Amino acid sequence: FEGYRVRDLMTPDPLTVEPGMAVGQFRQLMYYRRHTGYPVVDRELRLLGFARLQDAREEMERATVEDIMVPAETIAPGVPAKEGLRLLSEGQLGRLAVGDEAGRLVGILSKTDLVRHLRERGESPGPFGGLGGRPGGGPGGGAGPGRGDHGSGRWPG
């Protein structure tokens, strides 16, 4: 990941949810998307937290996403990709919310994004899930439309 920045590897404009969404509706996302969690944003796309499906239990049907969200693990788009890899490996959510200086969500960086990048460069993620591919490379590519598996836009809530 030498020479790459988070902005080069992230998935821009990920699918988000609003804090007022009912937990019952949030739980239905698992039938439409394969993600286990979503960034929670306000109407100005300011990051408020992260909601995980594992925390949305059936008995919480009257609760809202705000009731179950946890603090998001965050990173700035200009941070070196190696630092993003380190933070992902130390984090609990398996993804980092990428935010701009104003606190607005601009993308998401997941382990899937990193593996995709290695595959595009003809590298291997390593024999046991490590990220030990061939050395070398440099900046280029970047996350464009349709990259990653995070969808795009807002889930109506």
Protein backbone atom coordinates (compact mmCIF):
# COMPACT_ATOMS: atom_id res chain seq x y z
CA PHE A 1 0.00 0.00 0.00
CA GLU A 2 3.09 2.16 -0.26
CA GLY A 3 2.28 5.51 -1.87
CA TYR A 4 -1.50 5.10 -1.60
CA ARG A 5 -3.90 7.18 0.48
CA VAL A 6 -7.22 6.15 2.00
CA ARG A 7 -9.03 8.14 -0.72
CA ASP A 8 -7.42 5.88 -3.36
CA LEU A 9 -8.87 2.70 -1.84
CA MET A 10 -12.13 3.71 -0.13
CA THR A 11 -15.60 3.18 -1.49
CA PRO A 12 -17.11 6.65 -1.92
CA ASP A 13 -20.69 7.53 -0.97
CA PRO A 14 -21.57 4.39 1.01
CA LEU A 15 -25.11 3.43 1.90
CA THR A 16 -26.09 5.17 5.14
CA VAL A 17 -28.98 5.20 7.61
CA GLU A 18 -30.52 7.98 9.67
CA PRO A 19 -30.69 7.92 13.48
CA GLY A 20 -34.51 8.01 13.54
CA MET A 21 -34.93 4.83 11.47
CA ALA A 22 -36.89 2.16 13.36
CA VAL A 23 -34.83 -0.86 14.40
CA GLY A 24 -37.44 -3.11 12.76
CA GLN A 25 -36.83 -1.41 9.42
CA PHE A 26 -33.08 -1.45 9.99
CA ARG A 27 -33.15 -5.21 10.58
CA GLN A 28 -34.78 -5.69 7.17
CA LEU A 29 -31.62 -4.36 5.51
CA MET A 30 -30.09 -7.82 5.96
CA TYR A 31 -32.54 -9.10 3.34
CA TYR A 32 -31.51 -6.49 0.77
CA ARG A 33 -27.81 -5.95 1.43
CA ARG A 34 -25.12 -8.24 2.73
CA HIS A 35 -23.52 -5.70 5.06
CA THR A 36 -23.46 -6.17 8.80
CA GLY A 37 -23.46 -2.48 9.66
CA TYR A 38 -24.02 1.01 8.31
CA PRO A 39 -22.78 4.53 9.03
CA VAL A 40 -25.38 6.69 10.76
CA VAL A 41 -25.53 10.26 9.43
CA ASP A 42 -27.72 13.31 9.83
CA ARG A 43 -29.34 15.18 6.92
CA GLU A 44 -26.07 17.07 6.22
CA LEU A 45 -24.19 13.73 6.02
CA ARG A 46 -22.34 14.43 9.28
CA LEU A 47 -21.24 11.15 10.79
CA LEU A 48 -23.03 10.36 14.05
CA GLY A 49 -22.00 6.76 14.65
CA PHE A 50 -22.24 3.24 13.30
CA ALA A 51 -25.17 0.81 13.56
CA ARG A 52 -24.62 -2.95 13.53
CA LEU A 53 -27.25 -5.52 12.70
CA GLN A 54 -25.99 -7.73 15.54
CA ASP A 55 -27.19 -5.05 17.98
CA ALA A 56 -30.68 -4.82 16.43
CA ARG A 57 -32.54 -7.53 18.31
CA GLU A 58 -36.16 -8.50 17.67
CA GLU A 59 -37.39 -7.25 21.03
CA MET A 60 -36.20 -3.77 20.09
CA GLU A 61 -38.78 -3.18 17.35
CA ARG A 62 -39.82 0.18 18.86
CA ALA A 63 -36.27 1.43 19.29
CA THR A 64 -34.44 3.55 16.71
CA VAL A 65 -31.02 3.26 15.11
CA GLU A 66 -29.87 6.03 17.46
CA ASP A 67 -30.57 3.70 20.38
CA ILE A 68 -28.26 0.98 19.07
CA MET A 69 -25.50 2.92 17.30
CA VAL A 70 -21.93 2.78 18.55
CA PRO A 71 -19.10 5.25 17.97
CA ALA A 72 -17.74 4.99 14.43
CA GLU A 73 -14.09 4.21 13.82
CA THR A 74 -12.91 7.02 11.56
CA ILE A 75 -10.07 8.11 9.30
CA ALA A 76 -9.38 11.07 7.00
CA PRO A 77 -9.14 10.59 3.22
CA GLY A 78 -5.55 11.87 3.02
CA VAL A 79 -4.11 9.42 5.55
CA PRO A 80 -1.64 6.86 4.15
CA ALA A 81 -3.33 3.56 3.29
CA LYS A 82 -0.88 1.67 5.53
CA GLU A 83 -2.27 3.58 8.51
CA GLY A 84 -5.78 2.62 7.40
CA LEU A 85 -4.72 -1.03 7.33
CA ARG A 86 -3.31 -0.71 10.85
CA LEU A 87 -6.48 0.91 12.18
CA LEU A 88 -8.67 -1.72 10.49
CA SER A 89 -6.66 -4.51 12.08
CA GLU A 90 -6.97 -2.93 15.54
CA GLY A 91 -10.63 -1.91 15.23
CA GLN A 92 -13.79 -3.72 16.21
CA LEU A 93 -16.10 -2.81 13.31
CA GLY A 94 -14.20 -4.15 10.29
CA ARG A 95 -14.52 -0.82 8.46
CA LEU A 96 -13.53 2.79 8.86
CA ALA A 97 -15.79 5.73 8.15
CA VAL A 98 -13.89 8.25 6.02
CA GLY A 99 -14.76 11.80 6.95
CA ASP A 100 -13.82 15.24 5.69
CA GLU A 101 -12.72 18.22 7.81
CA ALA A 102 -16.36 19.17 8.51
CA GLY A 103 -17.19 15.69 9.85
CA ARG A 104 -19.20 14.68 6.78
CA LEU A 105 -19.01 11.10 5.58
CA VAL A 106 -17.26 10.86 2.21
CA GLY A 107 -16.55 7.13 2.03
CA ILE A 108 -15.89 3.89 3.81
CA LEU A 109 -12.74 1.78 3.95
CA SER A 110 -13.16 -1.92 4.60
CA LYS A 111 -11.01 -5.02 4.48
CA THR A 112 -12.87 -5.86 1.26
CA ASP A 113 -11.57 -2.63 -0.31
CA LEU A 114 -8.00 -3.55 0.60
CA VAL A 115 -8.28 -7.09 -0.76
CA ARG A 116 -9.89 -5.75 -3.96
CA HIS A 117 -6.97 -3.37 -4.40
CA LEU A 118 -4.46 -6.21 -4.04
CA ARG A 119 -6.34 -8.34 -6.56
CA GLU A 120 -6.49 -5.49 -9.07
CA ARG A 121 -2.74 -5.18 -8.81
CA GLY A 122 -2.27 -8.93 -9.25
CA GLU A 123 -1.19 -9.46 -5.65
CA SER A 124 -2.39 -12.07 -3.23
CA PRO A 125 -3.87 -11.34 0.19
CA GLY A 126 -1.56 -14.06 1.54
CA PRO A 127 -2.07 -17.71 2.43
CA PHE A 128 -3.82 -17.23 5.78
CA GLY A 129 -5.74 -14.01 5.33
CA GLY A 130 -2.70 -11.80 5.88
CA LEU A 131 -2.01 -9.02 3.45
CA GLY A 132 1.45 -10.16 2.33
CA GLY A 133 1.43 -9.74 -1.43
CA ARG A 134 4.25 -8.71 -3.75
CA PRO A 135 6.02 -5.47 -2.87
CA GLY A 136 6.03 -2.43 -5.11
CA GLY A 137 3.39 -0.29 -6.74
CA GLY A 138 2.47 3.31 -6.28
CA PRO A 139 -0.38 5.72 -6.44
CA GLY A 140 -3.05 5.38 -9.05
CA GLY A 141 -6.47 3.97 -9.65
CA GLY A 142 -8.70 5.34 -6.99
CA ALA A 143 -12.20 4.47 -5.98
CA GLY A 144 -14.63 5.32 -8.68
CA PRO A 145 -18.32 4.62 -9.16
CA GLY A 146 -19.37 1.05 -8.65
CA ARG A 147 -16.24 0.03 -6.75
CA GLY A 148 -16.37 -1.91 -3.53
CA ASP A 149 -19.44 -3.61 -2.18
CA HIS A 150 -20.93 -0.92 0.05
CA GLY A 151 -23.69 0.28 -2.22
CA SER A 152 -24.29 3.96 -2.54
CA GLY A 153 -26.76 6.47 -1.23
CA ARG A 154 -29.10 6.57 1.69
CA TRP A 155 -31.50 3.97 2.89
CA PRO A 156 -34.89 5.64 3.20
CA GLY A 157 -35.87 5.96 6.81
